[in-house]
Amino acid sequence: MSTENDFPVRPSAEALDRLRRILARAENEGKVLRVGVKGGGCSGLEYVTRLEDAPRANDLVAEFEGMRLVCDPKSARFLQGATLTFSAALLGGGFKFDNPNAARGCGCGTSFTPKA
């Protein structure tokens, strides 16, 4: 298991609070939050946040205030130093990344172009 300092993404207090509430539901007990990127979106790479049953064999895993986050090594290089936030706003709400590795992002904040 990675330490908080080794993990590429830092969750904000709001993100951890929201994750805690999501995981408190009976069908989500024991799950982990996957953070990562995949090809796509309008800027090249699209952010990924989803619940999964368990980490994969090569995942980086870290625990923040009892909440386990996982990230694959390929995504980690695009997310190094990023912060995961959460907003309850009606428009543009949800989990968002503040990513220092993004040269530019799309208007909705779900994808980005990595810095060269």
Foldseek 3Di string as FASTA:
>chain_A
DDECVPFQEAEDPQRVVVVVVVCVPPVNPQWAWEWFWDADDPAGIFIDTDIDNDEDPQWDWYADPNGIYTYHPVRSVQRHPKYWYADPDPQLGGIAIPGPQFPDADPSRGGGHGDD
